[in-house]
Amino acid sequence: MNTNWELSASCAQADPDAWFPTTDGDNGAAAIRICRTCPVQRECLDAAMAGEAGDGRRNRHGIRGGLYASERLALAQQHTLEQAA
């Protein structure tokens, strides 16, 4: 389901595979570069974090909002710790 911000995303016209790096040497650097200049990067990250809320490492995939799955997991864990303090 597309939302209005998704239509403005820099990745909308790019190869979707770029956001799912493989183990054959593609580390997703090209996707990260595109994300960093995207006018809706924050909206994308917010949607990713909301959609992955409560999910562990297994249910986080690809690059979203300019962050790798592991970076989004760390951000979620940090937020949980801050909320508990």
C-alpha atoms as a PDB file:
ATOM      1  CA  MET A   1       0.000   0.000   0.000  1.00  0.00           C
ATOM      2  CA  ASN A   2       1.529   3.286  -1.086  1.00  0.00           C
ATOM      3  CA  THR A   3       1.255   6.387   1.007  1.00  0.00           C
ATOM      4  CA  ASN A   4       1.753   9.880  -0.359  1.00  0.00           C
ATOM      5  CA  TRP A   5       5.340  10.149   0.872  1.00  0.00           C
ATOM      6  CA  GLU A   6       6.267   6.911  -0.912  1.00  0.00           C
ATOM      7  CA  LEU A   7       5.467   8.526  -4.246  1.00  0.00           C
ATOM      8  CA  SER A   8       8.156  11.158  -3.530  1.00  0.00           C
ATOM      9  CA  ALA A   9      10.796   8.647  -2.458  1.00  0.00           C
ATOM     10  CA  SER A  10      14.045   8.672  -4.410  1.00  0.00           C
ATOM     11  CA  CYS A  11      13.935   4.879  -4.563  1.00  0.00           C
ATOM     12  CA  ALA A  12      10.518   4.805  -6.257  1.00  0.00           C
ATOM     13  CA  GLN A  13      12.102   4.577  -9.707  1.00  0.00           C
ATOM     14  CA  ALA A  14      15.196   2.586  -8.716  1.00  0.00           C
ATOM     15  CA  ASP A  15      15.885  -1.132  -8.814  1.00  0.00           C
ATOM     16  CA  PRO A  16      14.260  -2.562  -5.650  1.00  0.00           C
ATOM     17  CA  ASP A  17      16.983  -5.198  -5.364  1.00  0.00           C
ATOM     18  CA  ALA A  18      19.462  -2.456  -4.439  1.00  0.00           C
ATOM     19  CA  TRP A  19      17.794  -2.198  -1.013  1.00  0.00           C
ATOM     20  CA  PHE A  20      18.412  -5.864  -0.269  1.00  0.00           C
ATOM     21  CA  PRO A  21      22.185  -6.350  -0.413  1.00  0.00           C
ATOM     22  CA  THR A  22      23.460  -9.826  -1.041  1.00  0.00           C
ATOM     23  CA  THR A  23      26.528 -11.588   0.218  1.00  0.00           C
ATOM     24  CA  ASP A  24      28.294 -11.359  -3.148  1.00  0.00           C
ATOM     25  CA  GLY A  25      30.051  -8.118  -2.271  1.00  0.00           C
ATOM     26  CA  ASP A  26      27.086  -5.745  -2.548  1.00  0.00           C
ATOM     27  CA  ASN A  27      26.980  -3.922   0.758  1.00  0.00           C
ATOM     28  CA  GLY A  28      24.117  -1.622  -0.205  1.00  0.00           C
ATOM     29  CA  ALA A  29      26.310   1.474  -0.502  1.00  0.00           C
ATOM     30  CA  ALA A  30      24.480   2.663  -3.627  1.00  0.00           C
ATOM     31  CA  ALA A  31      21.119   2.425  -1.863  1.00  0.00           C
ATOM     32  CA  ILE A  32      22.466   4.267   1.185  1.00  0.00           C
ATOM     33  CA  ARG A  33      23.705   7.092  -1.069  1.00  0.00           C
ATOM     34  CA  ILE A  34      20.260   7.404  -2.624  1.00  0.00           C
ATOM     35  CA  CYS A  35      18.585   7.361   0.803  1.00  0.00           C
ATOM     36  CA  ARG A  36      20.821  10.120   2.143  1.00  0.00           C
ATOM     37  CA  THR A  37      19.551  12.548  -0.492  1.00  0.00           C
ATOM     38  CA  CYS A  38      15.923  11.416  -0.378  1.00  0.00           C
ATOM     39  CA  PRO A  39      13.394  14.118   0.510  1.00  0.00           C
ATOM     40  CA  VAL A  40      11.291  11.632   2.497  1.00  0.00           C
ATOM     41  CA  GLN A  41      14.029   9.681   4.269  1.00  0.00           C
ATOM     42  CA  ARG A  42      12.597  10.481   7.708  1.00  0.00           C
ATOM     43  CA  GLU A  43       9.090   9.360   6.748  1.00  0.00           C
ATOM     44  CA  CYS A  44      10.528   6.123   5.385  1.00  0.00           C
ATOM     45  CA  LEU A  45      12.526   5.471   8.553  1.00  0.00           C
ATOM     46  CA  ASP A  46       9.501   6.260  10.726  1.00  0.00           C
ATOM     47  CA  ALA A  47       7.377   3.811   8.714  1.00  0.00           C
ATOM     48  CA  ALA A  48      10.074   1.136   8.936  1.00  0.00           C
ATOM     49  CA  MET A  49      10.430   1.552  12.688  1.00  0.00           C
ATOM     50  CA  ALA A  50       6.657   1.474  13.205  1.00  0.00           C
ATOM     51  CA  GLY A  51       6.257  -1.578  10.993  1.00  0.00           C
ATOM     52  CA  GLU A  52       9.071  -3.430  12.722  1.00  0.00           C
ATOM     53  CA  ALA A  53       8.077  -2.486  16.273  1.00  0.00           C
ATOM     54  CA  GLY A  54       8.520  -5.464  18.537  1.00  0.00           C
ATOM     55  CA  ASP A  55      10.249  -7.500  15.838  1.00  0.00           C
ATOM     56  CA  GLY A  56      13.595  -9.042  16.474  1.00  0.00           C
ATOM     57  CA  ARG A  57      16.461  -9.424  14.092  1.00  0.00           C
ATOM     58  CA  ARG A  58      14.758 -12.069  11.931  1.00  0.00           C
ATOM     59  CA  ASN A  59      11.947  -9.839  10.729  1.00  0.00           C
ATOM     60  CA  ARG A  60      14.079  -6.870   9.699  1.00  0.00           C
ATOM     61  CA  HIS A  61      15.364  -6.903   6.152  1.00  0.00           C
ATOM     62  CA  GLY A  62      16.994  -4.582   3.708  1.00  0.00           C
ATOM     63  CA  ILE A  63      17.763  -0.902   3.820  1.00  0.00           C
ATOM     64  CA  ARG A  64      14.924   1.373   4.847  1.00  0.00           C
ATOM     65  CA  GLY A  65      15.083   5.024   5.778  1.00  0.00           C
ATOM     66  CA  GLY A  66      18.799   5.039   5.072  1.00  0.00           C
ATOM     67  CA  LEU A  67      19.610   2.390   7.679  1.00  0.00           C
ATOM     68  CA  TYR A  68      20.535  -1.264   7.459  1.00  0.00           C
ATOM     69  CA  ALA A  69      18.337  -3.759   9.336  1.00  0.00           C
ATOM     70  CA  SER A  70      20.979  -4.092  12.071  1.00  0.00           C
ATOM     71  CA  GLU A  71      21.088  -0.308  12.511  1.00  0.00           C
ATOM     72  CA  ARG A  72      17.302  -0.130  12.803  1.00  0.00           C
ATOM     73  CA  LEU A  73      17.386  -2.908  15.393  1.00  0.00           C
ATOM     74  CA  ALA A  74      20.008  -1.022  17.421  1.00  0.00           C
ATOM     75  CA  LEU A  75      17.925   2.152  17.180  1.00  0.00           C
ATOM     76  CA  ALA A  76      14.829   0.300  18.400  1.00  0.00           C
ATOM     77  CA  GLN A  77      16.778  -1.231  21.284  1.00  0.00           C
ATOM     78  CA  GLN A  78      18.171   2.170  22.241  1.00  0.00           C
ATOM     79  CA  HIS A  79      14.676   3.652  22.187  1.00  0.00           C
ATOM     80  CA  THR A  80      13.413   0.813  24.425  1.00  0.00           C
ATOM     81  CA  LEU A  81      16.215   1.457  26.919  1.00  0.00           C
ATOM     82  CA  GLU A  82      15.495   5.187  26.948  1.00  0.00           C
ATOM     83  CA  GLN A  83      11.808   4.536  27.565  1.00  0.00           C
ATOM     84  CA  ALA A  84      12.638   2.252  30.492  1.00  0.00           C
ATOM     85  CA  ALA A  85      14.901   4.817  32.151  1.00  0.00           C
END
